[in-house]
Amino acid sequence: MHFEDVKGVLSPKGNMNIYRGCTHGCIYCDSRSVCYNMPHNFEDVLVKANAPTLLEAALKGKRKKIMVGMGSMSDPYMHCEKELLHTRKCLEIVDRYGFGFTLITKSDLVLRDLDLIKSINGKSKAVVQMTLTTFDENLCRILEPNVATTKQRFDALMKLKEAGIPTVVWLCPILPFINDTEENLRGILDLCIKAGVKGIICFEMGLTLREGNREFFYQKLDRHFPGMKEKYIQAFGDSYYCTSPANQQLMKFFRSVCKENGIMYNNDEIFEYLHTFEEKSESQQLTLF
């Protein structure tokens, strides 16, 4: 972990990443790709030390309220956040200035900040997005070794549901020949139904591989799934997107279950929901509190 002051932190569309790199160790992570020009070791997390100060300055200068988004490249609740409270400081600022907020995480550490998330959601909208890829706990510990397991994330989703916080699940990536089964998909969807998620983002069944993350992924395949790397090379070559042979069948099942349970599954519709700022009336605020 190392610290650096940066020139800016909030994009014109309201997105931000206060960390660069990650310690969760997910074997498929696209953020390892060379195209992102990360000048340091991926596990040596860069902390954007002045991120809260820059965020406050940016929100002060905004005439129109927006949804502030966090975590598209690096999880805002990786291990160093426990001590740094960097994400929490940013939530406090968003809450203070009355903006909306959404984040993507694989960690149940998000529950630590439930007080602030509830406060934001009481005035505007706060949405927690949680990635779920693997129903089997033992397989999850291989694919996503240093982060909360699927069960722990599901428990977090249930607590968020109880607190009235809307949630969205990212069902990706699904790894061909590893967890691209109806059994895995059914298990995850059952959890989503129980947790009352508002939407599920899925870019079909498969994963992306390119320089940087491909080499890391193949190293892990050699370690945990002997012979699987050769199967990938034979099936996909150097393709960027590796689509599961079961994609059509699984996507049909996915859409069917979502329709039956009133869960949004159109990605454009979900992203519009995530990016749309909503301000609650005083009567709505009183009802929530």
C-alpha atoms as a PDB file:
ATOM      1  CA  MET A   1       0.000   0.000   0.000  1.00  0.00           C
ATOM      2  CA  HIS A   2       1.280   3.461  -0.848  1.00  0.00           C
ATOM      3  CA  PHE A   3      -0.188   6.971  -0.858  1.00  0.00           C
ATOM      4  CA  GLU A   4      -0.336   9.622  -3.536  1.00  0.00           C
ATOM      5  CA  ASP A   5      -2.084  12.945  -4.051  1.00  0.00           C
ATOM      6  CA  VAL A   6      -3.955  13.045  -7.353  1.00  0.00           C
ATOM      7  CA  LYS A   7      -5.247  15.932  -9.471  1.00  0.00           C
ATOM      8  CA  GLY A   8      -8.849  14.793  -9.715  1.00  0.00           C
ATOM      9  CA  VAL A   9     -11.086  12.013  -8.457  1.00  0.00           C
ATOM     10  CA  LEU A  10     -14.650  12.529  -9.735  1.00  0.00           C
ATOM     11  CA  SER A  11     -15.387  11.971 -13.434  1.00  0.00           C
ATOM     12  CA  PRO A  12     -17.905  14.159 -15.313  1.00  0.00           C
ATOM     13  CA  LYS A  13     -20.425  11.311 -14.965  1.00  0.00           C
ATOM     14  CA  GLY A  14     -19.922  11.102 -11.205  1.00  0.00           C
ATOM     15  CA  ASN A  15     -17.738   7.993 -11.016  1.00  0.00           C
ATOM     16  CA  MET A  16     -14.717   7.685  -8.749  1.00  0.00           C
ATOM     17  CA  ASN A  17     -12.155   5.164  -7.527  1.00  0.00           C
ATOM     18  CA  ILE A  18     -10.294   6.092  -4.368  1.00  0.00           C
ATOM     19  CA  TYR A  19      -8.003   3.072  -4.580  1.00  0.00           C
ATOM     20  CA  ARG A  20      -6.036   1.650  -7.493  1.00  0.00           C
ATOM     21  CA  GLY A  21      -5.167  -2.037  -7.358  1.00  0.00           C
ATOM     22  CA  CYS A  22      -6.759  -4.649  -5.120  1.00  0.00           C
ATOM     23  CA  THR A  23      -5.961  -7.303  -2.520  1.00  0.00           C
ATOM     24  CA  HIS A  24      -9.003  -9.537  -3.036  1.00  0.00           C
ATOM     25  CA  GLY A  25      -7.092 -11.845  -5.368  1.00  0.00           C
ATOM     26  CA  CYS A  26      -9.966 -12.806  -7.712  1.00  0.00           C
ATOM     27  CA  ILE A  27      -8.386 -14.991 -10.364  1.00  0.00           C
ATOM     28  CA  TYR A  28     -10.320 -13.433 -13.280  1.00  0.00           C
ATOM     29  CA  CYS A  29      -9.910  -9.714 -12.474  1.00  0.00           C
ATOM     30  CA  ASP A  30     -10.040  -7.525 -15.593  1.00  0.00           C
ATOM     31  CA  SER A  31      -8.521  -4.583 -13.706  1.00  0.00           C
ATOM     32  CA  ARG A  32      -5.140  -6.334 -13.988  1.00  0.00           C
ATOM     33  CA  SER A  33      -5.172  -5.728 -17.744  1.00  0.00           C
ATOM     34  CA  VAL A  34      -2.123  -3.908 -19.146  1.00  0.00           C
ATOM     35  CA  CYS A  35      -4.368  -1.429 -21.001  1.00  0.00           C
ATOM     36  CA  TYR A  36      -5.135   0.342 -17.714  1.00  0.00           C
ATOM     37  CA  ASN A  37      -1.480   1.426 -17.442  1.00  0.00           C
ATOM     38  CA  MET A  38      -1.034   0.683 -13.756  1.00  0.00           C
ATOM     39  CA  PRO A  39       2.587   1.619 -12.946  1.00  0.00           C
ATOM     40  CA  HIS A  40       2.807  -0.446  -9.745  1.00  0.00           C
ATOM     41  CA  ASN A  41       2.217  -4.000  -8.559  1.00  0.00           C
ATOM     42  CA  PHE A  42      -1.523  -4.720  -8.508  1.00  0.00           C
ATOM     43  CA  GLU A  43      -1.490  -5.836  -4.857  1.00  0.00           C
ATOM     44  CA  ASP A  44       0.497  -2.742  -3.824  1.00  0.00           C
ATOM     45  CA  VAL A  45      -2.653  -0.665  -3.583  1.00  0.00           C
ATOM     46  CA  LEU A  46      -2.415   3.016  -4.437  1.00  0.00           C
ATOM     47  CA  VAL A  47      -4.422   5.104  -1.982  1.00  0.00           C
ATOM     48  CA  LYS A  48      -5.538   8.415  -3.443  1.00  0.00           C
ATOM     49  CA  ALA A  49      -4.754  10.280  -0.243  1.00  0.00           C
ATOM     50  CA  ASN A  50      -6.571  13.510  -1.101  1.00  0.00           C
ATOM     51  CA  ALA A  51      -9.670  11.826  -2.564  1.00  0.00           C
ATOM     52  CA  PRO A  52     -12.114  13.014   0.159  1.00  0.00           C
ATOM     53  CA  THR A  53     -10.866  16.604  -0.160  1.00  0.00           C
ATOM     54  CA  LEU A  54     -11.195  16.506  -3.946  1.00  0.00           C
ATOM     55  CA  LEU A  55     -14.653  14.950  -3.714  1.00  0.00           C
ATOM     56  CA  GLU A  56     -15.898  17.654  -1.359  1.00  0.00           C
ATOM     57  CA  ALA A  57     -14.571  20.398  -3.644  1.00  0.00           C
ATOM     58  CA  ALA A  58     -16.242  18.757  -6.656  1.00  0.00           C
ATOM     59  CA  LEU A  59     -19.625  18.370  -4.953  1.00  0.00           C
ATOM     60  CA  LYS A  60     -19.530  21.918  -3.611  1.00  0.00           C
ATOM     61  CA  GLY A  61     -19.195  23.190  -7.153  1.00  0.00           C
ATOM     62  CA  LYS A  62     -22.021  21.155  -8.668  1.00  0.00           C
ATOM     63  CA  ARG A  63     -25.222  23.030  -9.471  1.00  0.00           C
ATOM     64  CA  LYS A  64     -27.171  19.849 -10.131  1.00  0.00           C
ATOM     65  CA  LYS A  65     -27.320  16.850  -7.826  1.00  0.00           C
ATOM     66  CA  ILE A  66     -26.119  13.542  -9.258  1.00  0.00           C
ATOM     67  CA  MET A  67     -25.495   9.942  -8.262  1.00  0.00           C
ATOM     68  CA  VAL A  68     -21.903   9.481  -7.125  1.00  0.00           C
ATOM     69  CA  GLY A  69     -20.600   6.035  -8.095  1.00  0.00           C
ATOM     70  CA  MET A  70     -17.681   4.139  -6.626  1.00  0.00           C
ATOM     71  CA  GLY A  71     -15.886   0.841  -7.220  1.00  0.00           C
ATOM     72  CA  SER A  72     -15.966   0.228 -10.975  1.00  0.00           C
ATOM     73  CA  MET A  73     -12.221  -0.521 -11.082  1.00  0.00           C
ATOM     74  CA  SER A  74     -11.158  -1.170  -7.488  1.00  0.00           C
ATOM     75  CA  ASP A  75     -13.320  -2.372  -4.614  1.00  0.00           C
ATOM     76  CA  PRO A  76     -13.949   0.449  -2.106  1.00  0.00           C
ATOM     77  CA  TYR A  77     -14.018  -2.106   0.728  1.00  0.00           C
ATOM     78  CA  MET A  78     -10.729  -3.940   0.266  1.00  0.00           C
ATOM     79  CA  HIS A  79      -8.660  -4.801   3.332  1.00  0.00           C
ATOM     80  CA  CYS A  80      -6.917  -1.450   3.858  1.00  0.00           C
ATOM     81  CA  GLU A  81     -10.301   0.309   4.132  1.00  0.00           C
ATOM     82  CA  LYS A  82     -10.793  -1.224   7.583  1.00  0.00           C
ATOM     83  CA  GLU A  83      -8.152   1.099   8.996  1.00  0.00           C
ATOM     84  CA  LEU A  84      -8.104   3.973   6.508  1.00  0.00           C
ATOM     85  CA  LEU A  85     -11.874   4.680   6.519  1.00  0.00           C
ATOM     86  CA  HIS A  86     -11.368   6.329   3.129  1.00  0.00           C
ATOM     87  CA  THR A  87     -14.673   5.118   1.720  1.00  0.00           C
ATOM     88  CA  ARG A  88     -16.502   6.110   4.876  1.00  0.00           C
ATOM     89  CA  LYS A  89     -15.112   9.659   4.666  1.00  0.00           C
ATOM     90  CA  CYS A  90     -16.424   9.936   1.110  1.00  0.00           C
ATOM     91  CA  LEU A  91     -19.837   8.648   2.182  1.00  0.00           C
ATOM     92  CA  GLU A  92     -19.946  11.292   4.898  1.00  0.00           C
ATOM     93  CA  ILE A  93     -19.299  13.980   2.284  1.00  0.00           C
ATOM     94  CA  VAL A  94     -21.953  12.635  -0.099  1.00  0.00           C
ATOM     95  CA  ASP A  95     -24.421  12.539   2.792  1.00  0.00           C
ATOM     96  CA  ARG A  96     -23.540  16.052   3.940  1.00  0.00           C
ATOM     97  CA  TYR A  97     -24.154  17.590   0.508  1.00  0.00           C
ATOM     98  CA  GLY A  98     -27.304  15.620  -0.291  1.00  0.00           C
ATOM     99  CA  PHE A  99     -26.153  13.657  -3.326  1.00  0.00           C
ATOM    100  CA  GLY A 100     -27.150  10.124  -4.279  1.00  0.00           C
ATOM    101  CA  PHE A 101     -24.696   7.254  -4.063  1.00  0.00           C
ATOM    102  CA  THR A 102     -23.977   3.788  -5.410  1.00  0.00           C
ATOM    103  CA  LEU A 103     -21.027   1.444  -5.080  1.00  0.00           C
ATOM    104  CA  ILE A 104     -19.877  -1.979  -6.269  1.00  0.00           C
ATOM    105  CA  THR A 105     -18.284  -4.378  -3.802  1.00  0.00           C
ATOM    106  CA  LYS A 106     -17.642  -8.023  -2.925  1.00  0.00           C
ATOM    107  CA  SER A 107     -17.153  -7.298   0.753  1.00  0.00           C
ATOM    108  CA  ASP A 108     -19.526  -7.449   3.700  1.00  0.00           C
ATOM    109  CA  LEU A 109     -17.483  -4.595   5.211  1.00  0.00           C
ATOM    110  CA  VAL A 110     -20.070  -2.392   3.505  1.00  0.00           C
ATOM    111  CA  LEU A 111     -22.308  -3.065   6.527  1.00  0.00           C
ATOM    112  CA  ARG A 112     -19.954  -1.036   8.696  1.00  0.00           C
ATOM    113  CA  ASP A 113     -21.217   2.066   6.902  1.00  0.00           C
ATOM    114  CA  LEU A 114     -24.890   1.139   6.926  1.00  0.00           C
ATOM    115  CA  ASP A 115     -25.697   4.194   9.050  1.00  0.00           C
ATOM    116  CA  LEU A 116     -24.441   6.547   6.333  1.00  0.00           C
ATOM    117  CA  ILE A 117     -25.970   4.529   3.508  1.00  0.00           C
ATOM    118  CA  LYS A 118     -29.351   4.675   5.253  1.00  0.00           C
ATOM    119  CA  SER A 119     -28.963   8.418   5.783  1.00  0.00           C
ATOM    120  CA  ILE A 120     -28.190   9.006   2.099  1.00  0.00           C
ATOM    121  CA  ASN A 121     -31.055   6.761   1.031  1.00  0.00           C
ATOM    122  CA  GLY A 122     -33.404   8.636   3.331  1.00  0.00           C
ATOM    123  CA  LYS A 123     -32.770  11.894   1.484  1.00  0.00           C
ATOM    124  CA  SER A 124     -32.077  10.718  -2.059  1.00  0.00           C
ATOM    125  CA  LYS A 125     -31.029   7.233  -3.202  1.00  0.00           C
ATOM    126  CA  ALA A 126     -28.277   4.860  -2.142  1.00  0.00           C
ATOM    127  CA  VAL A 127     -27.836   1.579  -4.009  1.00  0.00           C
ATOM    128  CA  VAL A 128     -25.401  -1.161  -3.026  1.00  0.00           C
ATOM    129  CA  GLN A 129     -24.208  -3.342  -5.893  1.00  0.00           C
ATOM    130  CA  MET A 130     -22.804  -6.738  -4.926  1.00  0.00           C
ATOM    131  CA  THR A 131     -20.976  -9.178  -7.198  1.00  0.00           C
ATOM    132  CA  LEU A 132     -22.036 -12.838  -6.992  1.00  0.00           C
ATOM    133  CA  THR A 133     -20.455 -15.390  -9.303  1.00  0.00           C
ATOM    134  CA  THR A 134     -20.210 -18.727  -7.518  1.00  0.00           C
ATOM    135  CA  PHE A 135     -22.812 -20.464  -5.356  1.00  0.00           C
ATOM    136  CA  ASP A 136     -20.475 -23.208  -4.114  1.00  0.00           C
ATOM    137  CA  GLU A 137     -18.524 -21.880  -1.125  1.00  0.00           C
ATOM    138  CA  ASN A 138     -15.452 -24.047  -1.711  1.00  0.00           C
ATOM    139  CA  LEU A 139     -15.204 -22.990  -5.350  1.00  0.00           C
ATOM    140  CA  CYS A 140     -15.795 -19.371  -4.341  1.00  0.00           C
ATOM    141  CA  ARG A 141     -12.753 -19.515  -2.052  1.00  0.00           C
ATOM    142  CA  ILE A 142     -10.642 -20.574  -5.034  1.00  0.00           C
ATOM    143  CA  LEU A 143     -11.983 -18.040  -7.526  1.00  0.00           C
ATOM    144  CA  GLU A 144     -12.265 -15.117  -5.066  1.00  0.00           C
ATOM    145  CA  PRO A 145      -9.853 -16.132  -2.283  1.00  0.00           C
ATOM    146  CA  ASN A 146      -9.329 -13.022  -0.149  1.00  0.00           C
ATOM    147  CA  VAL A 147     -12.813 -11.583   0.098  1.00  0.00           C
ATOM    148  CA  ALA A 148     -16.183 -12.368   1.684  1.00  0.00           C
ATOM    149  CA  THR A 149     -17.650 -15.622   0.435  1.00  0.00           C
ATOM    150  CA  THR A 150     -20.938 -15.811  -1.425  1.00  0.00           C
ATOM    151  CA  LYS A 151     -22.775 -16.738   1.788  1.00  0.00           C
ATOM    152  CA  GLN A 152     -21.286 -13.743   3.607  1.00  0.00           C
ATOM    153  CA  ARG A 153     -22.261 -11.454   0.736  1.00  0.00           C
ATOM    154  CA  PHE A 154     -25.775 -12.912   0.734  1.00  0.00           C
ATOM    155  CA  ASP A 155     -26.037 -12.263   4.480  1.00  0.00           C
ATOM    156  CA  ALA A 156     -24.987  -8.662   3.782  1.00  0.00           C
ATOM    157  CA  LEU A 157     -27.662  -8.362   1.077  1.00  0.00           C
ATOM    158  CA  MET A 158     -30.280  -9.599   3.550  1.00  0.00           C
ATOM    159  CA  LYS A 159     -29.223  -6.991   6.113  1.00  0.00           C
ATOM    160  CA  LEU A 160     -29.388  -4.294   3.443  1.00  0.00           C
ATOM    161  CA  LYS A 161     -32.874  -5.503   2.521  1.00  0.00           C
ATOM    162  CA  GLU A 162     -33.953  -5.259   6.169  1.00  0.00           C
ATOM    163  CA  ALA A 163     -32.594  -1.708   6.248  1.00  0.00           C
ATOM    164  CA  GLY A 164     -34.591  -0.730   3.146  1.00  0.00           C
ATOM    165  CA  ILE A 165     -31.521  -0.262   0.934  1.00  0.00           C
ATOM    166  CA  PRO A 166     -32.040  -1.162  -2.754  1.00  0.00           C
ATOM    167  CA  THR A 167     -29.502  -3.637  -4.124  1.00  0.00           C
ATOM    168  CA  VAL A 168     -28.276  -4.770  -7.518  1.00  0.00           C
ATOM    169  CA  VAL A 169     -26.243  -7.918  -8.181  1.00  0.00           C
ATOM    170  CA  TRP A 170     -23.504  -8.283 -10.791  1.00  0.00           C
ATOM    171  CA  LEU A 171     -23.702 -11.838 -12.132  1.00  0.00           C
ATOM    172  CA  CYS A 172     -20.322 -11.800 -13.835  1.00  0.00           C
ATOM    173  CA  PRO A 173     -17.990 -13.151 -14.818  1.00  0.00           C
ATOM    174  CA  ILE A 174     -19.179 -16.718 -15.246  1.00  0.00           C
ATOM    175  CA  LEU A 175     -16.184 -18.905 -16.105  1.00  0.00           C
ATOM    176  CA  PRO A 176     -16.612 -21.385 -18.978  1.00  0.00           C
ATOM    177  CA  PHE A 177     -16.102 -25.028 -17.951  1.00  0.00           C
ATOM    178  CA  ILE A 178     -15.853 -24.021 -14.275  1.00  0.00           C
ATOM    179  CA  ASN A 179     -19.062 -22.456 -12.941  1.00  0.00           C
ATOM    180  CA  ASP A 180     -21.178 -22.113 -16.114  1.00  0.00           C
ATOM    181  CA  THR A 181     -23.789 -24.594 -14.927  1.00  0.00           C
ATOM    182  CA  GLU A 182     -27.511 -24.352 -14.331  1.00  0.00           C
ATOM    183  CA  GLU A 183     -26.901 -25.570 -10.777  1.00  0.00           C
ATOM    184  CA  ASN A 184     -24.609 -22.608 -10.071  1.00  0.00           C
ATOM    185  CA  LEU A 185     -26.941 -20.142 -11.760  1.00  0.00           C
ATOM    186  CA  ARG A 186     -30.001 -21.483  -9.977  1.00  0.00           C
ATOM    187  CA  GLY A 187     -28.235 -21.195  -6.611  1.00  0.00           C
ATOM    188  CA  ILE A 188     -27.245 -17.571  -7.163  1.00  0.00           C
ATOM    189  CA  LEU A 189     -30.664 -16.588  -8.501  1.00  0.00           C
ATOM    190  CA  ASP A 190     -32.365 -18.170  -5.477  1.00  0.00           C
ATOM    191  CA  LEU A 191     -30.186 -15.984  -3.238  1.00  0.00           C
ATOM    192  CA  CYS A 192     -31.083 -12.904  -5.281  1.00  0.00           C
ATOM    193  CA  ILE A 193     -34.794 -13.668  -4.960  1.00  0.00           C
ATOM    194  CA  LYS A 194     -34.539 -14.140  -1.187  1.00  0.00           C
ATOM    195  CA  ALA A 195     -32.560 -10.910  -0.856  1.00  0.00           C
ATOM    196  CA  GLY A 196     -35.133  -8.985  -2.896  1.00  0.00           C
ATOM    197  CA  VAL A 197     -32.594  -7.478  -5.272  1.00  0.00           C
ATOM    198  CA  LYS A 198     -33.917  -4.829  -7.624  1.00  0.00           C
ATOM    199  CA  GLY A 199     -31.857  -5.906 -10.624  1.00  0.00           C
ATOM    200  CA  ILE A 200     -29.198  -8.315 -11.861  1.00  0.00           C
ATOM    201  CA  ILE A 201     -26.533  -7.155 -14.305  1.00  0.00           C
ATOM    202  CA  CYS A 202     -25.319  -9.907 -16.621  1.00  0.00           C
ATOM    203  CA  PHE A 203     -23.286  -9.504 -19.816  1.00  0.00           C
ATOM    204  CA  GLU A 204     -24.047 -13.053 -20.929  1.00  0.00           C
ATOM    205  CA  MET A 205     -22.223 -16.092 -19.558  1.00  0.00           C
ATOM    206  CA  GLY A 206     -18.464 -15.812 -19.988  1.00  0.00           C
ATOM    207  CA  LEU A 207     -15.459 -13.674 -19.117  1.00  0.00           C
ATOM    208  CA  THR A 208     -13.027 -11.267 -20.721  1.00  0.00           C
ATOM    209  CA  LEU A 209      -9.311 -11.997 -21.097  1.00  0.00           C
ATOM    210  CA  ARG A 210      -6.599  -9.700 -22.365  1.00  0.00           C
ATOM    211  CA  GLU A 211      -2.933  -9.019 -21.739  1.00  0.00           C
ATOM    212  CA  GLY A 212      -2.266  -8.826 -18.030  1.00  0.00           C
ATOM    213  CA  ASN A 213      -5.313 -10.562 -16.643  1.00  0.00           C
ATOM    214  CA  ARG A 214      -5.024 -13.513 -19.074  1.00  0.00           C
ATOM    215  CA  GLU A 215      -1.561 -14.484 -17.801  1.00  0.00           C
ATOM    216  CA  PHE A 216      -2.643 -14.215 -14.157  1.00  0.00           C
ATOM    217  CA  PHE A 217      -5.811 -16.214 -14.852  1.00  0.00           C
ATOM    218  CA  TYR A 218      -3.891 -18.975 -16.620  1.00  0.00           C
ATOM    219  CA  GLN A 219      -1.403 -19.220 -13.738  1.00  0.00           C
ATOM    220  CA  LYS A 220      -4.292 -19.805 -11.355  1.00  0.00           C
ATOM    221  CA  LEU A 221      -5.886 -22.342 -13.700  1.00  0.00           C
ATOM    222  CA  ASP A 222      -2.636 -24.313 -13.764  1.00  0.00           C
ATOM    223  CA  ARG A 223      -2.580 -24.281  -9.973  1.00  0.00           C
ATOM    224  CA  HIS A 224      -6.215 -25.096  -9.217  1.00  0.00           C
ATOM    225  CA  PHE A 225      -7.580 -26.713 -12.401  1.00  0.00           C
ATOM    226  CA  PRO A 226      -4.806 -28.708 -14.142  1.00  0.00           C
ATOM    227  CA  GLY A 227      -5.432 -28.976 -17.881  1.00  0.00           C
ATOM    228  CA  MET A 228      -8.035 -26.188 -17.895  1.00  0.00           C
ATOM    229  CA  LYS A 229      -5.664 -23.605 -19.413  1.00  0.00           C
ATOM    230  CA  GLU A 230      -5.164 -25.814 -22.465  1.00  0.00           C
ATOM    231  CA  LYS A 231      -8.935 -26.196 -22.762  1.00  0.00           C
ATOM    232  CA  TYR A 232      -9.318 -22.394 -22.776  1.00  0.00           C
ATOM    233  CA  ILE A 233      -6.571 -21.948 -25.368  1.00  0.00           C
ATOM    234  CA  GLN A 234      -8.166 -24.552 -27.623  1.00  0.00           C
ATOM    235  CA  ALA A 235     -11.674 -23.096 -27.226  1.00  0.00           C
ATOM    236  CA  PHE A 236     -10.947 -19.364 -27.296  1.00  0.00           C
ATOM    237  CA  GLY A 237      -7.400 -18.735 -28.536  1.00  0.00           C
ATOM    238  CA  ASP A 238      -6.569 -15.070 -27.909  1.00  0.00           C
ATOM    239  CA  SER A 239     -10.212 -13.924 -27.968  1.00  0.00           C
ATOM    240  CA  TYR A 240     -11.097 -10.998 -25.726  1.00  0.00           C
ATOM    241  CA  TYR A 241     -14.499 -12.406 -24.789  1.00  0.00           C
ATOM    242  CA  CYS A 242     -14.717 -16.077 -23.885  1.00  0.00           C
ATOM    243  CA  THR A 243     -18.364 -17.097 -24.150  1.00  0.00           C
ATOM    244  CA  SER A 244     -19.591 -20.209 -22.373  1.00  0.00           C
ATOM    245  CA  PRO A 245     -20.792 -22.989 -24.707  1.00  0.00           C
ATOM    246  CA  ALA A 246     -23.871 -23.074 -22.448  1.00  0.00           C
ATOM    247  CA  ASN A 247     -24.516 -19.332 -22.840  1.00  0.00           C
ATOM    248  CA  GLN A 248     -27.762 -19.511 -24.802  1.00  0.00           C
ATOM    249  CA  GLN A 249     -29.371 -22.037 -22.497  1.00  0.00           C
ATOM    250  CA  LEU A 250     -28.226 -20.286 -19.315  1.00  0.00           C
ATOM    251  CA  MET A 251     -29.284 -16.830 -20.505  1.00  0.00           C
ATOM    252  CA  LYS A 252     -32.744 -18.157 -21.355  1.00  0.00           C
ATOM    253  CA  PHE A 253     -33.035 -19.592 -17.864  1.00  0.00           C
ATOM    254  CA  PHE A 254     -31.673 -16.366 -16.321  1.00  0.00           C
ATOM    255  CA  ARG A 255     -34.200 -14.143 -18.099  1.00  0.00           C
ATOM    256  CA  SER A 256     -37.062 -16.492 -17.305  1.00  0.00           C
ATOM    257  CA  VAL A 257     -36.340 -16.492 -13.566  1.00  0.00           C
ATOM    258  CA  CYS A 258     -35.938 -12.707 -13.492  1.00  0.00           C
ATOM    259  CA  LYS A 259     -39.254 -12.186 -15.300  1.00  0.00           C
ATOM    260  CA  GLU A 260     -41.068 -14.546 -12.943  1.00  0.00           C
ATOM    261  CA  ASN A 261     -39.766 -12.703  -9.884  1.00  0.00           C
ATOM    262  CA  GLY A 262     -40.014  -9.097 -11.062  1.00  0.00           C
ATOM    263  CA  ILE A 263     -36.249  -8.549 -11.121  1.00  0.00           C
ATOM    264  CA  MET A 264     -34.817  -6.098 -13.646  1.00  0.00           C
ATOM    265  CA  TYR A 265     -32.395  -7.809 -16.038  1.00  0.00           C
ATOM    266  CA  ASN A 266     -32.089  -5.360 -18.922  1.00  0.00           C
ATOM    267  CA  ASN A 267     -28.673  -3.788 -18.378  1.00  0.00           C
ATOM    268  CA  ASP A 268     -29.608  -0.445 -19.934  1.00  0.00           C
ATOM    269  CA  GLU A 269     -32.638  -0.188 -17.658  1.00  0.00           C
ATOM    270  CA  ILE A 270     -30.557  -1.012 -14.581  1.00  0.00           C
ATOM    271  CA  PHE A 271     -27.811   1.474 -15.455  1.00  0.00           C
ATOM    272  CA  GLU A 272     -30.404   4.187 -16.018  1.00  0.00           C
ATOM    273  CA  TYR A 273     -31.781   3.453 -12.553  1.00  0.00           C
ATOM    274  CA  LEU A 274     -28.301   3.555 -11.017  1.00  0.00           C
ATOM    275  CA  HIS A 275     -27.406   6.861 -12.676  1.00  0.00           C
ATOM    276  CA  THR A 276     -30.684   8.695 -12.008  1.00  0.00           C
ATOM    277  CA  PHE A 277     -30.625  10.973  -8.978  1.00  0.00           C
ATOM    278  CA  GLU A 278     -33.826  10.969  -6.948  1.00  0.00           C
ATOM    279  CA  GLU A 279     -34.650  13.412  -4.195  1.00  0.00           C
ATOM    280  CA  LYS A 280     -37.199  12.271  -1.638  1.00  0.00           C
ATOM    281  CA  SER A 281     -39.916  14.589  -0.441  1.00  0.00           C
ATOM    282  CA  GLU A 282     -40.199  15.526   3.217  1.00  0.00           C
ATOM    283  CA  SER A 283     -43.119  13.109   3.639  1.00  0.00           C
ATOM    284  CA  GLN A 284     -41.054  10.268   2.156  1.00  0.00           C
ATOM    285  CA  GLN A 285     -38.176  11.101   4.458  1.00  0.00           C
ATOM    286  CA  LEU A 286     -40.443  11.078   7.493  1.00  0.00           C
ATOM    287  CA  THR A 287     -41.835   7.685   6.447  1.00  0.00           C
ATOM    288  CA  LEU A 288     -38.326   6.241   6.119  1.00  0.00           C
ATOM    289  CA  PHE A 289     -37.132   7.564   9.443  1.00  0.00           C
END
